[in-house]
N, C-alpha and C. Protein backbone atom coordinates (compact mmCIF):
# COMPACT_ATOMS: atom_id res chain seq x y z
N MET A 1 183.65 144.87 136.47
CA MET A 1 183.61 143.46 136.82
C MET A 1 183.83 142.64 135.55
N THR A 2 184.66 141.62 135.65
CA THR A 2 184.98 140.77 134.51
C THR A 2 183.91 139.69 134.34
N LYS A 3 183.50 139.49 133.10
CA LYS A 3 182.51 138.46 132.80
C LYS A 3 183.24 137.12 132.64
N ILE A 4 182.73 136.08 133.26
CA ILE A 4 183.36 134.77 133.24
C ILE A 4 182.52 133.82 132.38
N ASN A 5 183.19 133.08 131.50
CA ASN A 5 182.51 132.05 130.70
C ASN A 5 182.54 130.76 131.52
N VAL A 6 181.38 130.36 132.04
CA VAL A 6 181.32 129.18 132.90
C VAL A 6 181.69 127.90 132.16
N LEU A 7 181.55 127.90 130.83
CA LEU A 7 181.86 126.70 130.05
C LEU A 7 183.35 126.39 130.05
N LYS A 8 184.17 127.35 130.41
CA LYS A 8 185.62 127.14 130.43
C LYS A 8 186.11 126.63 131.79
N HIS A 9 185.22 126.55 132.77
CA HIS A 9 185.61 126.09 134.11
C HIS A 9 185.79 124.57 134.10
N ASP A 10 186.79 124.09 134.83
CA ASP A 10 187.10 122.65 134.89
C ASP A 10 185.94 121.79 135.42
N MET A 11 185.14 122.37 136.30
CA MET A 11 184.08 121.59 136.93
C MET A 11 182.77 121.58 136.13
N VAL A 12 182.70 122.35 135.05
CA VAL A 12 181.48 122.40 134.23
C VAL A 12 181.66 121.48 133.04
N PRO A 13 180.76 120.50 132.87
CA PRO A 13 180.88 119.59 131.72
C PRO A 13 180.63 120.34 130.42
N GLU A 14 181.05 119.74 129.32
CA GLU A 14 180.89 120.34 128.00
C GLU A 14 179.41 120.33 127.60
N HIS A 15 178.91 121.47 127.16
CA HIS A 15 177.54 121.62 126.69
C HIS A 15 177.58 121.96 125.20
N GLN A 16 176.74 121.27 124.40
CA GLN A 16 176.66 121.53 122.97
C GLN A 16 175.21 121.53 122.53
N ILE A 17 174.91 122.39 121.56
CA ILE A 17 173.58 122.39 120.96
C ILE A 17 173.55 121.27 119.92
N VAL A 18 172.50 120.47 119.95
CA VAL A 18 172.33 119.38 118.99
C VAL A 18 171.50 119.90 117.82
N GLY A 19 172.00 119.73 116.61
CA GLY A 19 171.28 120.15 115.41
C GLY A 19 170.03 119.32 115.18
N LYS A 20 169.10 119.86 114.39
CA LYS A 20 167.81 119.18 114.16
C LYS A 20 167.97 117.80 113.52
N ASP A 21 168.91 117.67 112.55
CA ASP A 21 169.09 116.36 111.91
C ASP A 21 169.67 115.34 112.87
N GLU A 22 170.61 115.77 113.69
CA GLU A 22 171.20 114.86 114.68
C GLU A 22 170.20 114.57 115.80
N GLU A 23 169.36 115.55 116.11
CA GLU A 23 168.35 115.37 117.15
C GLU A 23 167.44 114.19 116.83
N GLU A 24 166.99 114.11 115.60
CA GLU A 24 166.12 112.99 115.19
C GLU A 24 166.83 111.66 115.36
N ARG A 25 168.10 111.62 114.99
CA ARG A 25 168.88 110.39 115.10
C ARG A 25 169.05 109.98 116.56
N VAL A 26 169.34 110.96 117.43
CA VAL A 26 169.55 110.68 118.85
C VAL A 26 168.26 110.15 119.49
N LEU A 27 167.15 110.82 119.21
CA LEU A 27 165.87 110.40 119.79
C LEU A 27 165.47 109.01 119.31
N LYS A 28 165.74 108.73 118.05
CA LYS A 28 165.43 107.40 117.50
C LYS A 28 166.32 106.34 118.15
N GLU A 29 167.60 106.67 118.32
CA GLU A 29 168.54 105.74 118.94
C GLU A 29 168.17 105.46 120.39
N LEU A 30 167.73 106.50 121.11
CA LEU A 30 167.34 106.33 122.51
C LEU A 30 165.93 105.75 122.65
N LYS A 31 165.18 105.74 121.54
CA LYS A 31 163.79 105.26 121.54
C LYS A 31 162.96 106.00 122.58
N ILE A 32 163.04 107.33 122.48
CA ILE A 32 162.37 108.19 123.46
C ILE A 32 161.94 109.47 122.77
N GLY A 33 160.93 110.12 123.32
CA GLY A 33 160.50 111.42 122.81
C GLY A 33 161.11 112.53 123.65
N LYS A 34 161.14 113.72 123.08
CA LYS A 34 161.70 114.86 123.81
C LYS A 34 160.97 115.13 125.12
N ASP A 35 159.67 114.83 125.14
CA ASP A 35 158.87 115.10 126.33
C ASP A 35 159.30 114.27 127.53
N LEU A 36 160.06 113.20 127.31
CA LEU A 36 160.50 112.35 128.41
C LEU A 36 161.93 112.64 128.87
N LEU A 37 162.62 113.55 128.18
CA LEU A 37 163.99 113.90 128.56
C LEU A 37 163.98 114.94 129.68
N PRO A 38 165.01 114.94 130.52
CA PRO A 38 165.10 115.97 131.57
C PRO A 38 165.22 117.36 130.95
N ARG A 39 164.86 118.36 131.71
CA ARG A 39 164.87 119.75 131.26
C ARG A 39 166.06 120.50 131.83
N ILE A 40 166.45 121.56 131.12
CA ILE A 40 167.44 122.50 131.63
C ILE A 40 166.86 123.89 131.41
N ASN A 41 166.89 124.70 132.43
CA ASN A 41 166.28 126.01 132.37
C ASN A 41 167.08 126.94 131.48
N ARG A 42 166.37 127.76 130.70
CA ARG A 42 167.04 128.67 129.77
C ARG A 42 167.88 129.71 130.50
N PHE A 43 167.68 129.87 131.82
CA PHE A 43 168.47 130.82 132.61
C PHE A 43 169.65 130.16 133.31
N ASP A 44 169.87 128.87 133.03
CA ASP A 44 171.05 128.16 133.55
C ASP A 44 172.30 128.86 133.02
N PRO A 45 173.31 129.07 133.87
CA PRO A 45 174.51 129.77 133.41
C PRO A 45 175.17 129.15 132.18
N ALA A 46 175.12 127.84 132.04
CA ALA A 46 175.72 127.19 130.87
C ALA A 46 174.93 127.53 129.60
N ILE A 47 173.62 127.60 129.70
CA ILE A 47 172.79 127.94 128.55
C ILE A 47 173.01 129.41 128.18
N LYS A 48 173.11 130.27 129.16
CA LYS A 48 173.39 131.68 128.89
C LYS A 48 174.74 131.85 128.20
N ALA A 49 175.73 131.07 128.62
CA ALA A 49 177.06 131.13 127.97
C ALA A 49 176.97 130.63 126.53
N LEU A 50 176.21 129.56 126.30
CA LEU A 50 176.02 129.06 124.93
C LEU A 50 175.34 130.11 124.05
N GLU A 51 174.40 130.85 124.63
CA GLU A 51 173.70 131.90 123.88
C GLU A 51 174.66 133.02 123.48
N GLU A 52 175.62 133.33 124.33
CA GLU A 52 176.60 134.36 124.00
C GLU A 52 177.47 133.92 122.83
N ILE A 53 177.70 132.62 122.70
CA ILE A 53 178.53 132.09 121.62
C ILE A 53 177.71 131.90 120.35
N ASN A 54 176.51 131.29 120.47
CA ASN A 54 175.71 130.87 119.31
C ASN A 54 174.50 131.73 119.00
N GLY A 55 174.20 132.70 119.83
CA GLY A 55 172.99 133.49 119.64
C GLY A 55 171.84 132.88 120.44
N PRO A 56 170.64 133.44 120.31
CA PRO A 56 169.50 132.97 121.11
C PRO A 56 169.20 131.48 120.90
N ILE A 57 168.88 130.82 122.00
CA ILE A 57 168.53 129.41 121.97
C ILE A 57 167.04 129.30 122.26
N ASP A 58 166.32 128.66 121.38
CA ASP A 58 164.87 128.51 121.53
C ASP A 58 164.53 127.44 122.55
N ASP A 59 163.34 127.58 123.14
CA ASP A 59 162.82 126.50 123.98
C ASP A 59 162.71 125.25 123.12
N ASP A 60 162.80 124.10 123.74
CA ASP A 60 162.67 122.80 123.07
C ASP A 60 163.92 122.42 122.27
N THR A 61 165.03 123.15 122.47
CA THR A 61 166.29 122.81 121.82
C THR A 61 166.97 121.71 122.63
N LEU A 62 167.55 120.74 121.94
CA LEU A 62 168.23 119.63 122.60
C LEU A 62 169.69 120.01 122.86
N ILE A 63 170.15 119.76 124.08
CA ILE A 63 171.52 120.06 124.50
C ILE A 63 172.20 118.75 124.89
N ARG A 64 173.43 118.55 124.38
CA ARG A 64 174.24 117.38 124.76
C ARG A 64 175.23 117.83 125.83
N ILE A 65 175.26 117.09 126.92
CA ILE A 65 176.20 117.37 128.01
C ILE A 65 177.14 116.17 128.11
N THR A 66 178.43 116.42 127.97
CA THR A 66 179.44 115.37 128.01
C THR A 66 180.24 115.52 129.29
N ARG A 67 180.12 114.53 130.17
CA ARG A 67 180.83 114.56 131.44
C ARG A 67 182.00 113.59 131.40
N LYS A 68 183.13 114.04 131.92
CA LYS A 68 184.31 113.19 131.98
C LYS A 68 184.56 112.81 133.44
N SER A 69 184.84 111.54 133.65
CA SER A 69 185.06 111.02 135.00
C SER A 69 186.27 110.09 134.98
N PRO A 70 187.13 110.19 135.99
CA PRO A 70 188.28 109.29 136.04
C PRO A 70 187.87 107.83 136.25
N THR A 71 186.70 107.60 136.82
CA THR A 71 186.26 106.23 137.07
C THR A 71 185.29 105.70 136.02
N ALA A 72 184.41 106.56 135.52
CA ALA A 72 183.39 106.11 134.57
C ALA A 72 183.75 106.41 133.12
N GLY A 73 184.80 107.16 132.89
CA GLY A 73 185.16 107.53 131.52
C GLY A 73 184.32 108.70 131.05
N ILE A 74 183.71 108.59 129.90
CA ILE A 74 182.90 109.67 129.34
C ILE A 74 181.43 109.25 129.34
N SER A 75 180.58 110.13 129.86
CA SER A 75 179.13 109.89 129.88
C SER A 75 178.45 111.03 129.14
N VAL A 76 177.49 110.68 128.29
CA VAL A 76 176.75 111.68 127.52
C VAL A 76 175.32 111.73 128.03
N TYR A 77 174.84 112.95 128.29
CA TYR A 77 173.48 113.18 128.75
C TYR A 77 172.82 114.17 127.82
N TYR A 78 171.51 114.15 127.77
CA TYR A 78 170.76 115.09 126.94
C TYR A 78 169.74 115.80 127.80
N ARG A 79 169.57 117.09 127.54
CA ARG A 79 168.58 117.91 128.22
C ARG A 79 167.85 118.75 127.18
N VAL A 80 166.62 119.13 127.48
CA VAL A 80 165.82 119.97 126.60
C VAL A 80 165.66 121.33 127.28
N VAL A 81 165.95 122.39 126.53
CA VAL A 81 165.85 123.75 127.07
C VAL A 81 164.38 124.09 127.28
N GLU A 82 164.11 124.65 128.45
CA GLU A 82 162.73 125.03 128.79
C GLU A 82 162.77 126.39 129.47
N GLY A 83 161.92 127.29 129.02
CA GLY A 83 161.83 128.61 129.64
C GLY A 83 160.89 128.58 130.82
N GLY A 84 160.97 129.60 131.62
CA GLY A 84 160.05 129.74 132.76
C GLY A 84 160.45 128.85 133.93
N LEU A 85 159.50 128.69 134.84
CA LEU A 85 159.74 127.91 136.03
C LEU A 85 159.39 126.46 135.80
N PHE A 86 160.13 125.56 136.46
CA PHE A 86 159.84 124.14 136.37
C PHE A 86 158.63 123.83 137.23
N LYS A 87 157.89 122.84 136.81
CA LYS A 87 156.69 122.45 137.56
C LYS A 87 156.94 121.15 138.28
């Protein structure tokens, strides 16, 4: 069976790991703490694909998701990686 990289699919938005220095800047710009950002499960196929490229991703890592839309242009979202089940 062939392994598929979901990040290369047209319908999957671009996912990037945000570095610690940029993370501080983003949180300051948004005037928000990490605890208030939406979560993304570490078993999400996009996170698993990022791990294959970058190595293990720790919980509490900030992920930038860039969505492209013909009507809205480009929208940037942030999620925090969380292991286990959501509550």
